[in-house]
Protein backbone atom coordinates (compact mmCIF):
# COMPACT_ATOMS: atom_id res chain seq x y z
CA MET A 1 0.00 0.00 0.00
CA ILE A 2 1.47 3.35 -1.07
CA LEU A 3 1.41 5.78 1.84
CA GLY A 4 2.76 8.82 0.05
CA SER A 5 5.01 10.08 -2.73
CA GLY A 6 6.84 13.25 -3.69
CA ALA A 7 9.92 15.24 -2.73
CA ILE A 8 11.30 14.12 0.62
CA SER A 9 12.61 16.43 3.33
CA LYS A 10 13.72 16.03 6.91
CA MET A 11 11.24 14.47 9.26
CA HIS A 12 9.08 16.59 11.52
CA VAL A 13 9.53 15.55 15.13
CA GLU A 14 7.59 16.30 18.31
CA HIS A 15 9.04 16.03 21.79
CA LYS A 16 6.99 13.20 23.24
CA SER A 17 7.89 9.98 25.04
CA PRO A 18 8.99 8.57 22.71
CA ALA A 19 9.59 11.21 20.02
CA SER A 20 6.87 11.34 17.37
CA TYR A 21 7.94 11.44 13.72
CA HIS A 22 6.20 12.45 10.49
CA LEU A 23 7.87 12.17 7.08
CA PRO A 24 7.12 14.92 4.52
CA LEU A 25 6.51 13.54 1.03
CA GLY A 26 5.37 16.18 -1.43
CA ASP A 27 2.45 18.00 0.19
CA GLY A 28 1.65 15.17 2.59
CA LEU A 29 2.92 13.87 5.93
CA VAL A 30 3.27 10.19 6.79
CA ALA A 31 3.08 9.14 10.46
CA MET A 32 6.21 7.03 10.85
CA ASN A 33 5.91 5.73 14.42
CA GLU A 34 2.92 3.67 13.30
CA LEU A 35 5.10 1.82 10.79
CA ILE A 36 7.62 0.49 13.30
CA GLY A 37 7.55 -3.29 13.17
CA HIS A 38 6.23 -3.28 9.59
CA ARG A 39 8.06 -3.95 6.34
CA ILE A 40 8.31 -0.82 4.20
CA ARG A 41 9.58 0.07 0.74
CA LEU A 42 11.30 3.30 -0.37
CA GLU A 43 11.42 3.75 -4.13
CA PHE A 44 13.38 6.55 -5.82
CA LEU A 45 11.25 8.05 -8.60
CA SER A 46 14.32 9.25 -10.55
CA LYS A 47 13.60 12.92 -9.93
CA ILE A 48 15.29 15.59 -7.80
CA SER A 49 13.81 19.07 -7.44
CA CYS A 50 15.50 22.05 -5.78
CA ALA A 51 14.25 22.68 -2.25
CA HIS A 52 14.24 26.44 -2.93
CA CYS A 53 13.13 27.09 -6.51
CA GLY A 54 11.66 23.70 -7.47
CA ARG A 55 13.90 23.37 -10.54
CA VAL A 56 14.48 19.74 -11.60
CA THR A 57 18.17 18.95 -11.23
CA LYS A 58 20.34 15.89 -11.85
CA LYS A 59 22.25 16.43 -8.62
CA SER A 60 21.47 18.24 -5.39
CA TYR A 61 23.92 20.49 -3.55
CA ALA A 62 24.15 21.49 0.12
CA GLY A 63 21.31 19.21 1.11
CA GLY A 64 18.69 19.69 -1.59
CA TYR A 65 19.49 22.71 -3.81
CA CYS A 66 20.16 23.09 -7.52
CA PHE A 67 23.56 24.52 -8.48
CA PRO A 68 22.36 28.10 -9.20
CA CYS A 69 20.64 28.31 -5.80
CA PHE A 70 23.66 26.74 -4.13
CA LYS A 71 25.82 29.53 -5.53
CA LYS A 72 23.51 32.46 -4.70
CA LEU A 73 21.65 31.61 -1.48
CA ALA A 74 23.07 32.77 1.83
CA GLN A 75 21.79 29.59 3.48
CA CYS A 76 24.25 27.63 1.28
CA ASP A 77 27.28 29.77 2.21
CA LEU A 78 30.20 28.29 4.15
CA CYS A 79 29.44 30.52 7.13
CA VAL A 80 26.24 28.56 7.79
CA MET A 81 28.38 25.55 8.72
CA SER A 82 31.10 27.73 10.26
CA PRO A 83 29.33 30.70 11.90
CA ASP A 84 32.61 32.16 13.15
CA ARG A 85 33.31 32.98 9.47
CA CYS A 86 30.24 35.21 9.18
CA HIS A 87 30.91 38.17 6.89
CA TYR A 88 27.65 40.07 7.34
CA ALA A 89 29.45 42.97 9.06
CA LYS A 90 31.71 43.34 6.00
CA GLY A 91 28.68 43.96 3.80
CA THR A 92 29.31 40.84 1.69
CA CYS A 93 26.39 38.67 2.83
CA ARG A 94 24.67 37.12 -0.20
CA GLU A 95 21.24 37.99 1.21
CA PRO A 96 21.39 40.61 3.99
CA ALA A 97 17.65 40.33 4.74
CA TRP A 98 17.98 36.56 5.22
CA GLY A 99 21.05 37.10 7.39
CA GLU A 100 19.11 39.46 9.65
CA GLU A 101 16.25 36.98 9.99
CA PHE A 102 18.39 33.89 10.49
CA CYS A 103 21.76 34.98 11.92
CA MET A 104 21.04 38.22 13.79
CA GLN A 105 18.82 36.38 16.24
CA PRO A 106 19.34 34.98 19.76
CA HIS A 107 21.25 31.70 19.72
CA VAL A 108 22.29 29.18 22.33
CA LEU A 109 25.42 27.13 22.82
CA TYR A 110 24.52 23.70 24.16
CA LEU A 111 26.10 20.51 25.38
CA ALA A 112 24.38 17.36 24.13
CA ASN A 113 24.80 13.66 24.77
CA SER A 114 24.07 11.77 21.58
CA THR A 115 26.98 9.37 21.00
CA GLY A 116 29.06 11.02 23.69
CA LEU A 117 29.31 14.64 24.70
CA LYS A 118 29.31 17.29 21.96
CA VAL A 119 28.78 21.02 21.73
CA GLY A 120 26.49 22.64 19.21
CA ILE A 121 24.60 25.81 18.43
CA THR A 122 21.05 26.62 17.45
CA ARG A 123 18.56 29.44 17.40
CA THR A 124 16.57 29.71 20.61
CA SER A 125 13.40 29.01 18.63
CA GLN A 126 14.79 25.64 17.41
CA MET A 127 14.95 24.00 20.84
CA PRO A 128 14.32 21.10 21.35
CA THR A 129 13.95 20.19 17.64
CA ARG A 130 17.68 20.58 17.03
CA TRP A 131 18.50 18.06 19.77
CA LEU A 132 15.93 15.56 18.54
CA ASP A 133 17.24 15.86 14.98
CA GLN A 134 20.68 14.88 16.27
CA GLY A 135 19.39 11.91 18.23
CA ALA A 136 20.49 13.32 21.60
CA VAL A 137 19.33 11.57 24.75
CA GLN A 138 20.26 14.56 26.92
CA ALA A 139 20.98 18.25 26.35
CA ILE A 140 21.72 21.32 28.42
CA VAL A 141 22.09 24.99 27.48
CA LEU A 142 25.54 26.42 28.27
CA MET A 143 25.31 30.00 27.02
CA ARG A 144 22.98 32.45 25.29
CA THR A 145 24.23 34.96 22.74
CA ALA A 146 22.75 37.80 20.72
CA THR A 147 23.83 36.51 17.28
CA ARG A 148 24.89 33.40 15.39
CA TYR A 149 28.36 34.83 14.78
CA GLN A 150 28.95 35.23 18.50
CA VAL A 151 27.87 31.70 19.36
CA GLY A 152 29.98 30.37 16.49
CA CYS A 153 33.07 32.02 17.96
CA VAL A 154 32.32 30.46 21.34
CA GLU A 155 31.82 27.01 19.79
CA LYS A 156 35.17 27.28 18.03
CA CYS A 157 36.77 28.28 21.31
CA LEU A 158 35.60 24.99 22.85
CA ALA A 159 36.84 22.80 19.98
CA GLU A 160 39.97 21.63 21.79
CA PHE A 161 37.98 20.47 24.82
CA VAL A 162 34.95 18.66 23.38
CA SER A 163 33.75 17.34 20.03
CA ASP A 164 31.24 19.15 17.81
CA LYS A 165 30.35 15.99 15.85
CA THR A 166 27.95 13.08 16.30
CA ASN A 167 29.21 9.58 15.52
CA TRP A 168 26.50 8.31 13.17
CA ARG A 169 27.75 4.74 13.48
CA LYS A 170 27.07 4.68 17.21
CA LEU A 171 23.79 6.55 16.71
CA ILE A 172 22.25 3.70 14.70
CA THR A 173 23.78 0.75 16.56
CA GLY A 174 22.92 1.45 20.18
CA ASP A 175 21.41 3.71 22.78
CA SER A 176 23.60 6.22 24.63
CA GLN A 177 24.47 6.03 28.30
CA LYS A 178 23.24 8.98 30.32
CA VAL A 179 25.72 11.17 32.19
CA ASP A 180 25.61 13.95 34.76
CA MET A 181 25.11 16.81 32.31
CA GLN A 182 25.28 19.62 34.86
CA ALA A 183 28.62 18.35 36.17
CA ALA A 184 29.90 17.98 32.59
CA ALA A 185 28.81 21.53 31.80
CA LEU A 186 30.60 22.96 34.82
CA ALA A 187 33.76 21.00 34.03
CA LEU A 188 33.79 22.22 30.43
CA ARG A 189 33.28 25.82 31.49
CA SER A 190 36.16 25.53 33.92
CA GLU A 191 38.49 23.90 31.38
CA ALA A 192 37.85 26.53 28.75
CA ALA A 193 37.89 29.56 31.08
CA GLU A 194 41.21 30.94 29.82
CA ASN A 195 40.08 30.69 26.19
CA PHE A 196 37.17 33.02 26.86
CA THR A 197 39.22 36.04 27.92
CA LEU A 198 39.37 37.57 24.45
CA LEU A 199 35.74 36.67 23.70
CA ASP A 200 34.59 38.36 26.89
CA GLU A 201 36.51 41.49 25.92
CA LYS A 202 35.08 41.41 22.39
CA PHE A 203 31.41 40.64 23.07
CA GLY A 204 30.97 41.56 26.72
CA ALA A 205 27.39 41.39 27.98
CA ASP A 206 26.19 39.68 24.78
CA LEU A 207 27.61 36.40 26.13
CA VAL A 208 25.48 35.09 28.98
CA TRP A 209 26.39 31.84 30.73
CA GLU A 210 23.34 29.83 31.74
CA GLU A 211 23.39 29.11 35.46
CA ALA A 212 21.76 25.95 36.86
CA SER A 213 20.40 25.08 33.41
CA GLU A 214 17.70 22.45 33.04
CA VAL A 215 18.71 19.05 31.67
CA HIS A 216 16.45 17.97 28.82
CA GLU A 217 16.02 14.22 28.18
CA PHE A 218 14.73 12.43 25.10
CA GLN A 219 13.52 8.96 24.13
CA TYR A 220 13.21 7.51 20.64
CA PRO A 221 10.82 4.95 19.15
CA VAL A 222 13.32 2.13 18.70
CA GLU A 223 12.47 -1.55 19.05
CA ARG A 224 15.90 -2.69 17.93
CA TYR A 225 19.13 -1.00 16.85
CA LEU A 226 21.26 -2.26 13.97
CA ASP A 227 23.87 -4.93 14.59
CA LYS A 228 26.24 -3.24 12.14
CA ALA A 229 26.67 0.41 11.12
CA LYS A 230 25.31 0.19 7.60
CA THR A 231 23.51 2.91 5.64
CA GLN A 232 21.60 2.74 2.36
CA LYS A 233 21.19 5.27 -0.44
CA LEU A 234 18.47 5.66 -3.02
CA LYS A 235 19.44 4.65 -6.54
CA PRO A 236 17.56 4.85 -9.86
CA ASP A 237 15.59 1.73 -10.72
CA GLU A 238 16.21 0.26 -7.26
CA ALA A 239 14.08 0.22 -4.14
CA LEU A 240 15.00 -0.13 -0.50
CA GLU A 241 13.03 -2.61 1.56
CA GLY A 242 13.17 -3.71 5.15
CA VAL A 243 11.41 -3.91 8.47
CA LEU A 244 11.39 -0.55 10.23
CA THR A 245 12.79 -1.32 13.67
CA GLY A 246 13.08 2.25 14.94
CA ILE A 247 13.74 5.95 14.32
CA ARG A 248 16.43 8.11 15.87
CA GLY A 249 17.50 11.56 14.79
CA GLN A 250 16.89 11.67 11.05
CA TYR A 251 17.60 7.97 10.55
CA LEU A 252 15.07 5.29 9.70
CA LEU A 253 16.43 2.06 11.16
CA LEU A 254 15.66 -0.79 8.77
CA ASP A 255 16.81 -4.35 9.33
CA SER A 256 18.49 -4.04 5.90
CA GLY A 257 20.43 -0.89 6.90
CA ALA A 258 19.74 2.65 8.10
CA PHE A 259 18.32 5.33 5.81
CA ASN A 260 19.37 8.95 6.36
CA VAL A 261 16.31 11.01 5.47
CA ARG A 262 18.04 14.37 5.58
CA SER A 263 20.78 13.42 3.13
CA HIS A 264 18.08 12.62 0.55
CA THR A 265 16.32 15.98 0.74
CA SER A 266 14.59 16.90 -2.55
CA HIS A 267 14.66 13.34 -3.92
CA HIS A 268 11.23 12.22 -5.09
CA VAL A 269 10.28 9.04 -3.27
CA ALA A 270 7.34 6.67 -3.01
CA LEU A 271 6.84 5.10 0.44
CA SER A 272 4.83 1.88 0.76
CA ARG A 273 3.92 -0.49 3.56
CA LEU A 274 4.25 -4.09 2.41
């Protein structure tokens, strides 16, 4: 039975116990938690359309864009992945209005426990979605800043003390052990204290450490993790099939291998329950 078809994009997720997932396909949404334990089929319809302009393209760039949009959109610039390289103040932002809406907004620096401790950044409005998208089991806010550039500089400052990456292999093969997040946050702040001297002088009151921050905890609808860290990609004239054993982050856990929904943004897909 076909449940939906169209361009795929990252799953919508609600903070429930466990997290509740819906997969966008074209104009529709498919409730994914209901499919856990069932055999499903993902068929690539040999079409990719740009997530911004809708143009049909042979290859997607930067997670779902055609090449012209990739070259002109501010959201595809390198500074989106490396906020400390923001060049808005130099007057060279590709889209100043977008930069004001996206980057010149309050952001938080956080410590998450997904496959071990990692730091990350997000807009205040994106909590807790950002943590759920990364498959975190715990998260705590470390600092609040006035802009994305500021929080990016702080994140870079912490790079030598804690990772800023999630190990996808561990994410799909097992649950994460919980830790004392408040103690970890205090230890990190103490370790990095000397590195913040210049940042404090540069940004002053715009950097606000969060005191006694709440620890957020998350559960995922997983009946069984994968035995081996294997992922699958959509290919023309081929379909992926398997029993959906769980969902974590943006991964569908199939007994035939995990499927990264986000990395297939803009691919046209038909989803069926067999």
